[in-house]
């Protein structure tokens, strides 16, 4: 089944992909404008700079307790940011920005630009029969597609909807 999928490829709804690219870029642009207005000297992709902002929130009493990495930097991963308080506008917008960046760079843009083309909506993903140390199959892109349930911000990933069955075919999903 796996090698058959690699050879024949998988249909991608390019119209839907480009719709998601457009909406994600629009949302990301709004976030960029907000960060530029309120935090013009902070590069939100820099953990060190984000950590400095979080430290200011902590010192102002807006964050009860900070978490630190092994190198004693302020922790800026997803779990830590949520624990600091996603109701703080900076943290909320940072989490939104990370969501849009991840979905665009990891899924939507590669589906639009690398795996499919204007004339071909069939994506061919490489599968490696011994790619994982456990001996299981590993595959590029499609092995890491997130579930469609809502995340901690109430955002829902729609990436699985981009994969459509060929005419007279059905998809069966097994996710455990």
C-alpha atoms as a PDB file:
ATOM      1  CA  UNK A   1       0.000   0.000   0.000  1.00  0.00           C
ATOM      2  CA  UNK A   2       2.751   2.436   0.942  1.00  0.00           C
ATOM      3  CA  UNK A   3       4.843   1.936  -2.188  1.00  0.00           C
ATOM      4  CA  UNK A   4       1.683   2.184  -4.264  1.00  0.00           C
ATOM      5  CA  UNK A   5       0.932   5.564  -2.663  1.00  0.00           C
ATOM      6  CA  UNK A   6       4.485   6.708  -3.376  1.00  0.00           C
ATOM      7  CA  UNK A   7       4.286   5.700  -7.037  1.00  0.00           C
ATOM      8  CA  UNK A   8       0.767   6.900  -7.788  1.00  0.00           C
ATOM      9  CA  UNK A   9       0.862   9.924  -5.509  1.00  0.00           C
ATOM     10  CA  UNK A  10      -1.900  11.618  -3.583  1.00  0.00           C
ATOM     11  CA  UNK A  11      -4.384  14.188  -4.907  1.00  0.00           C
ATOM     12  CA  UNK A  12      -4.117  17.631  -3.376  1.00  0.00           C
ATOM     13  CA  UNK A  13      -6.881  20.238  -3.467  1.00  0.00           C
ATOM     14  CA  UNK A  14      -4.671  23.077  -4.738  1.00  0.00           C
ATOM     15  CA  UNK A  15      -7.540  25.576  -4.691  1.00  0.00           C
ATOM     16  CA  UNK A  16      -8.020  24.929  -0.987  1.00  0.00           C
ATOM     17  CA  UNK A  17      -4.254  25.023  -0.377  1.00  0.00           C
ATOM     18  CA  UNK A  18      -3.956  28.462  -1.981  1.00  0.00           C
ATOM     19  CA  UNK A  19      -6.996  29.689  -0.062  1.00  0.00           C
ATOM     20  CA  UNK A  20      -5.302  28.666   3.192  1.00  0.00           C
ATOM     21  CA  UNK A  21      -2.002  30.238   2.113  1.00  0.00           C
ATOM     22  CA  UNK A  22      -3.804  33.500   1.416  1.00  0.00           C
ATOM     23  CA  UNK A  23      -5.695  33.510   4.735  1.00  0.00           C
ATOM     24  CA  UNK A  24      -2.605  32.555   6.749  1.00  0.00           C
ATOM     25  CA  UNK A  25      -0.476  35.257   5.111  1.00  0.00           C
ATOM     26  CA  UNK A  26      -3.204  37.824   5.785  1.00  0.00           C
ATOM     27  CA  UNK A  27      -3.427  36.811   9.452  1.00  0.00           C
ATOM     28  CA  UNK A  28       0.353  36.784   9.767  1.00  0.00           C
ATOM     29  CA  UNK A  29       0.563  40.287   8.232  1.00  0.00           C
ATOM     30  CA  UNK A  30      -1.875  41.613  10.823  1.00  0.00           C
ATOM     31  CA  UNK A  31       0.197  40.051  13.597  1.00  0.00           C
ATOM     32  CA  UNK A  32       3.401  41.486  12.154  1.00  0.00           C
ATOM     33  CA  UNK A  33       1.808  44.961  12.105  1.00  0.00           C
ATOM     34  CA  UNK A  34       0.740  44.539  15.741  1.00  0.00           C
ATOM     35  CA  UNK A  35       4.226  43.454  16.854  1.00  0.00           C
ATOM     36  CA  UNK A  36       5.802  46.310  14.877  1.00  0.00           C
ATOM     37  CA  UNK A  37       3.484  48.820  16.537  1.00  0.00           C
ATOM     38  CA  UNK A  38       3.783  47.626  20.136  1.00  0.00           C
ATOM     39  CA  UNK A  39       7.157  45.822  20.161  1.00  0.00           C
ATOM     40  CA  UNK A  40       9.173  47.404  17.318  1.00  0.00           C
ATOM     41  CA  UNK A  41      12.572  46.268  18.595  1.00  0.00           C
ATOM     42  CA  UNK A  42      11.604  42.655  19.332  1.00  0.00           C
ATOM     43  CA  UNK A  43      12.272  39.922  16.823  1.00  0.00           C
ATOM     44  CA  UNK A  44       9.528  37.418  17.690  1.00  0.00           C
ATOM     45  CA  UNK A  45      11.485  34.532  16.167  1.00  0.00           C
ATOM     46  CA  UNK A  46      14.272  35.099  18.696  1.00  0.00           C
ATOM     47  CA  UNK A  47      13.823  33.160  21.933  1.00  0.00           C
ATOM     48  CA  UNK A  48      16.256  35.497  23.672  1.00  0.00           C
ATOM     49  CA  UNK A  49      14.312  38.621  22.720  1.00  0.00           C
ATOM     50  CA  UNK A  50      10.956  37.030  23.540  1.00  0.00           C
ATOM     51  CA  UNK A  51      12.440  35.936  26.871  1.00  0.00           C
ATOM     52  CA  UNK A  52      13.376  39.555  27.671  1.00  0.00           C
ATOM     53  CA  UNK A  53       9.790  40.677  27.040  1.00  0.00           C
ATOM     54  CA  UNK A  54       8.475  37.856  29.244  1.00  0.00           C
ATOM     55  CA  UNK A  55      10.911  38.872  31.979  1.00  0.00           C
ATOM     56  CA  UNK A  56       9.458  42.407  31.873  1.00  0.00           C
ATOM     57  CA  UNK A  57       5.954  40.952  32.262  1.00  0.00           C
ATOM     58  CA  UNK A  58       7.199  38.897  35.206  1.00  0.00           C
ATOM     59  CA  UNK A  59       8.814  41.928  36.853  1.00  0.00           C
ATOM     60  CA  UNK A  60       5.575  43.881  36.339  1.00  0.00           C
ATOM     61  CA  UNK A  61       3.612  41.093  38.089  1.00  0.00           C
ATOM     62  CA  UNK A  62       1.705  39.992  34.976  1.00  0.00           C
ATOM     63  CA  UNK A  63       3.310  36.542  34.977  1.00  0.00           C
ATOM     64  CA  UNK A  64       3.319  34.651  38.278  1.00  0.00           C
ATOM     65  CA  UNK A  65       6.236  32.309  37.609  1.00  0.00           C
ATOM     66  CA  UNK A  66       8.734  31.913  34.774  1.00  0.00           C
ATOM     67  CA  UNK A  67      10.188  28.616  33.637  1.00  0.00           C
ATOM     68  CA  UNK A  68      13.836  28.337  32.648  1.00  0.00           C
ATOM     69  CA  UNK A  69      15.793  26.155  30.258  1.00  0.00           C
ATOM     70  CA  UNK A  70      18.850  24.155  31.344  1.00  0.00           C
ATOM     71  CA  UNK A  71      20.980  27.089  30.157  1.00  0.00           C
ATOM     72  CA  UNK A  72      18.979  29.393  32.459  1.00  0.00           C
ATOM     73  CA  UNK A  73      17.215  31.256  29.643  1.00  0.00           C
ATOM     74  CA  UNK A  74      13.524  32.070  29.967  1.00  0.00           C
ATOM     75  CA  UNK A  75      11.612  29.160  28.467  1.00  0.00           C
ATOM     76  CA  UNK A  76       9.585  30.178  25.406  1.00  0.00           C
ATOM     77  CA  UNK A  77       8.181  26.862  24.213  1.00  0.00           C
ATOM     78  CA  UNK A  78       4.461  26.267  23.715  1.00  0.00           C
ATOM     79  CA  UNK A  79       3.777  24.718  27.140  1.00  0.00           C
ATOM     80  CA  UNK A  80       5.656  27.462  28.955  1.00  0.00           C
ATOM     81  CA  UNK A  81       3.954  30.270  27.035  1.00  0.00           C
ATOM     82  CA  UNK A  82       0.519  28.823  27.781  1.00  0.00           C
ATOM     83  CA  UNK A  83       1.407  28.477  31.463  1.00  0.00           C
ATOM     84  CA  UNK A  84       2.453  32.164  31.572  1.00  0.00           C
ATOM     85  CA  UNK A  85      -1.001  33.167  30.393  1.00  0.00           C
ATOM     86  CA  UNK A  86      -2.338  33.144  26.858  1.00  0.00           C
ATOM     87  CA  UNK A  87      -4.643  35.989  27.908  1.00  0.00           C
ATOM     88  CA  UNK A  88      -1.611  38.323  27.797  1.00  0.00           C
ATOM     89  CA  UNK A  89      -1.874  39.908  24.351  1.00  0.00           C
ATOM     90  CA  UNK A  90       1.842  39.532  23.558  1.00  0.00           C
ATOM     91  CA  UNK A  91       1.798  35.812  24.375  1.00  0.00           C
ATOM     92  CA  UNK A  92      -1.499  35.244  22.593  1.00  0.00           C
ATOM     93  CA  UNK A  93      -0.248  36.918  19.424  1.00  0.00           C
ATOM     94  CA  UNK A  94       3.093  35.132  19.639  1.00  0.00           C
ATOM     95  CA  UNK A  95       1.301  31.776  19.791  1.00  0.00           C
ATOM     96  CA  UNK A  96      -0.909  32.759  16.854  1.00  0.00           C
ATOM     97  CA  UNK A  97       2.120  33.818  14.837  1.00  0.00           C
ATOM     98  CA  UNK A  98       3.897  30.537  15.555  1.00  0.00           C
ATOM     99  CA  UNK A  99       0.810  28.596  14.459  1.00  0.00           C
ATOM    100  CA  UNK A 100       0.599  30.433  11.121  1.00  0.00           C
ATOM    101  CA  UNK A 101       4.351  30.257  10.458  1.00  0.00           C
ATOM    102  CA  UNK A 102       4.426  26.512  11.176  1.00  0.00           C
ATOM    103  CA  UNK A 103       1.443  25.702   8.983  1.00  0.00           C
ATOM    104  CA  UNK A 104       2.662  27.857   6.105  1.00  0.00           C
ATOM    105  CA  UNK A 105       6.298  26.806   6.093  1.00  0.00           C
ATOM    106  CA  UNK A 106       5.837  23.121   6.902  1.00  0.00           C
ATOM    107  CA  UNK A 107       2.663  22.248   5.026  1.00  0.00           C
ATOM    108  CA  UNK A 108       0.855  24.737   2.797  1.00  0.00           C
ATOM    109  CA  UNK A 109       3.753  26.335   0.920  1.00  0.00           C
ATOM    110  CA  UNK A 110       5.519  23.004   0.245  1.00  0.00           C
ATOM    111  CA  UNK A 111       2.224  21.509  -0.986  1.00  0.00           C
ATOM    112  CA  UNK A 112       1.707  24.485  -3.299  1.00  0.00           C
ATOM    113  CA  UNK A 113       5.265  24.988  -4.514  1.00  0.00           C
ATOM    114  CA  UNK A 114       7.210  21.754  -4.158  1.00  0.00           C
ATOM    115  CA  UNK A 115       4.900  18.775  -4.267  1.00  0.00           C
ATOM    116  CA  UNK A 116       2.330  19.980  -6.807  1.00  0.00           C
ATOM    117  CA  UNK A 117       2.272  22.357  -9.745  1.00  0.00           C
ATOM    118  CA  UNK A 118      -0.224  24.373 -11.753  1.00  0.00           C
ATOM    119  CA  UNK A 119      -0.589  21.446 -14.150  1.00  0.00           C
ATOM    120  CA  UNK A 120      -0.354  18.587 -11.664  1.00  0.00           C
ATOM    121  CA  UNK A 121      -2.261  18.247  -8.391  1.00  0.00           C
ATOM    122  CA  UNK A 122      -0.731  14.859  -7.586  1.00  0.00           C
ATOM    123  CA  UNK A 123       1.854  14.975  -4.811  1.00  0.00           C
ATOM    124  CA  UNK A 124       4.513  12.265  -4.617  1.00  0.00           C
ATOM    125  CA  UNK A 125       6.013  11.870  -1.169  1.00  0.00           C
ATOM    126  CA  UNK A 126       9.092   9.800  -0.493  1.00  0.00           C
ATOM    127  CA  UNK A 127       8.751   6.861   1.873  1.00  0.00           C
ATOM    128  CA  UNK A 128      11.695   5.207   3.598  1.00  0.00           C
ATOM    129  CA  UNK A 129      11.062   1.595   4.626  1.00  0.00           C
ATOM    130  CA  UNK A 130      13.812   1.660   7.232  1.00  0.00           C
ATOM    131  CA  UNK A 131      13.935   5.377   7.941  1.00  0.00           C
ATOM    132  CA  UNK A 132      13.078   5.157  11.607  1.00  0.00           C
ATOM    133  CA  UNK A 133      15.271   3.413  14.184  1.00  0.00           C
ATOM    134  CA  UNK A 134      12.277   1.297  15.170  1.00  0.00           C
ATOM    135  CA  UNK A 135      12.112  -0.274  11.719  1.00  0.00           C
ATOM    136  CA  UNK A 136       8.838   1.413  10.843  1.00  0.00           C
ATOM    137  CA  UNK A 137       8.262   3.418   7.679  1.00  0.00           C
ATOM    138  CA  UNK A 138       9.051   7.091   7.706  1.00  0.00           C
ATOM    139  CA  UNK A 139       7.895   9.627   5.152  1.00  0.00           C
ATOM    140  CA  UNK A 140       8.414  13.250   4.293  1.00  0.00           C
ATOM    141  CA  UNK A 141       5.690  15.782   5.156  1.00  0.00           C
ATOM    142  CA  UNK A 142       2.689  13.466   5.376  1.00  0.00           C
ATOM    143  CA  UNK A 143       3.942  11.625   8.445  1.00  0.00           C
ATOM    144  CA  UNK A 144       3.731  14.782  10.567  1.00  0.00           C
ATOM    145  CA  UNK A 145       0.331  16.123   9.573  1.00  0.00           C
ATOM    146  CA  UNK A 146      -1.444  17.354  12.697  1.00  0.00           C
ATOM    147  CA  UNK A 147      -4.841  16.110  13.750  1.00  0.00           C
ATOM    148  CA  UNK A 148      -7.751  18.351  12.886  1.00  0.00           C
ATOM    149  CA  UNK A 149      -8.734  19.047  16.482  1.00  0.00           C
ATOM    150  CA  UNK A 150      -8.462  22.523  17.980  1.00  0.00           C
ATOM    151  CA  UNK A 151      -5.274  23.693  19.600  1.00  0.00           C
ATOM    152  CA  UNK A 152      -4.916  25.614  22.858  1.00  0.00           C
ATOM    153  CA  UNK A 153      -5.925  28.881  21.138  1.00  0.00           C
ATOM    154  CA  UNK A 154      -9.050  27.424  19.582  1.00  0.00           C
ATOM    155  CA  UNK A 155      -7.425  27.319  16.138  1.00  0.00           C
ATOM    156  CA  UNK A 156      -7.995  24.286  14.011  1.00  0.00           C
ATOM    157  CA  UNK A 157      -5.553  22.826  11.531  1.00  0.00           C
ATOM    158  CA  UNK A 158      -7.144  22.100   8.153  1.00  0.00           C
ATOM    159  CA  UNK A 159      -4.161  20.414   6.527  1.00  0.00           C
ATOM    160  CA  UNK A 160      -5.782  16.990   6.303  1.00  0.00           C
ATOM    161  CA  UNK A 161      -8.573  18.539   4.220  1.00  0.00           C
ATOM    162  CA  UNK A 162      -6.037  19.327   1.471  1.00  0.00           C
ATOM    163  CA  UNK A 163      -5.673  15.623   0.699  1.00  0.00           C
ATOM    164  CA  UNK A 164      -8.548  14.410  -1.442  1.00  0.00           C
ATOM    165  CA  UNK A 165      -9.252  10.952  -2.836  1.00  0.00           C
ATOM    166  CA  UNK A 166      -9.225  10.350  -6.559  1.00  0.00           C
ATOM    167  CA  UNK A 167     -12.549   9.884  -8.280  1.00  0.00           C
ATOM    168  CA  UNK A 168     -14.284   6.667  -7.156  1.00  0.00           C
ATOM    169  CA  UNK A 169     -11.804   6.236  -4.302  1.00  0.00           C
ATOM    170  CA  UNK A 170     -12.037   6.780  -0.551  1.00  0.00           C
ATOM    171  CA  UNK A 171      -9.609   7.635   2.204  1.00  0.00           C
ATOM    172  CA  UNK A 172      -9.393   5.601   5.356  1.00  0.00           C
ATOM    173  CA  UNK A 173      -7.515   7.225   8.236  1.00  0.00           C
ATOM    174  CA  UNK A 174      -5.960   5.280  11.044  1.00  0.00           C
ATOM    175  CA  UNK A 175      -4.509   7.554  13.681  1.00  0.00           C
ATOM    176  CA  UNK A 176      -3.490   6.021  16.956  1.00  0.00           C
END
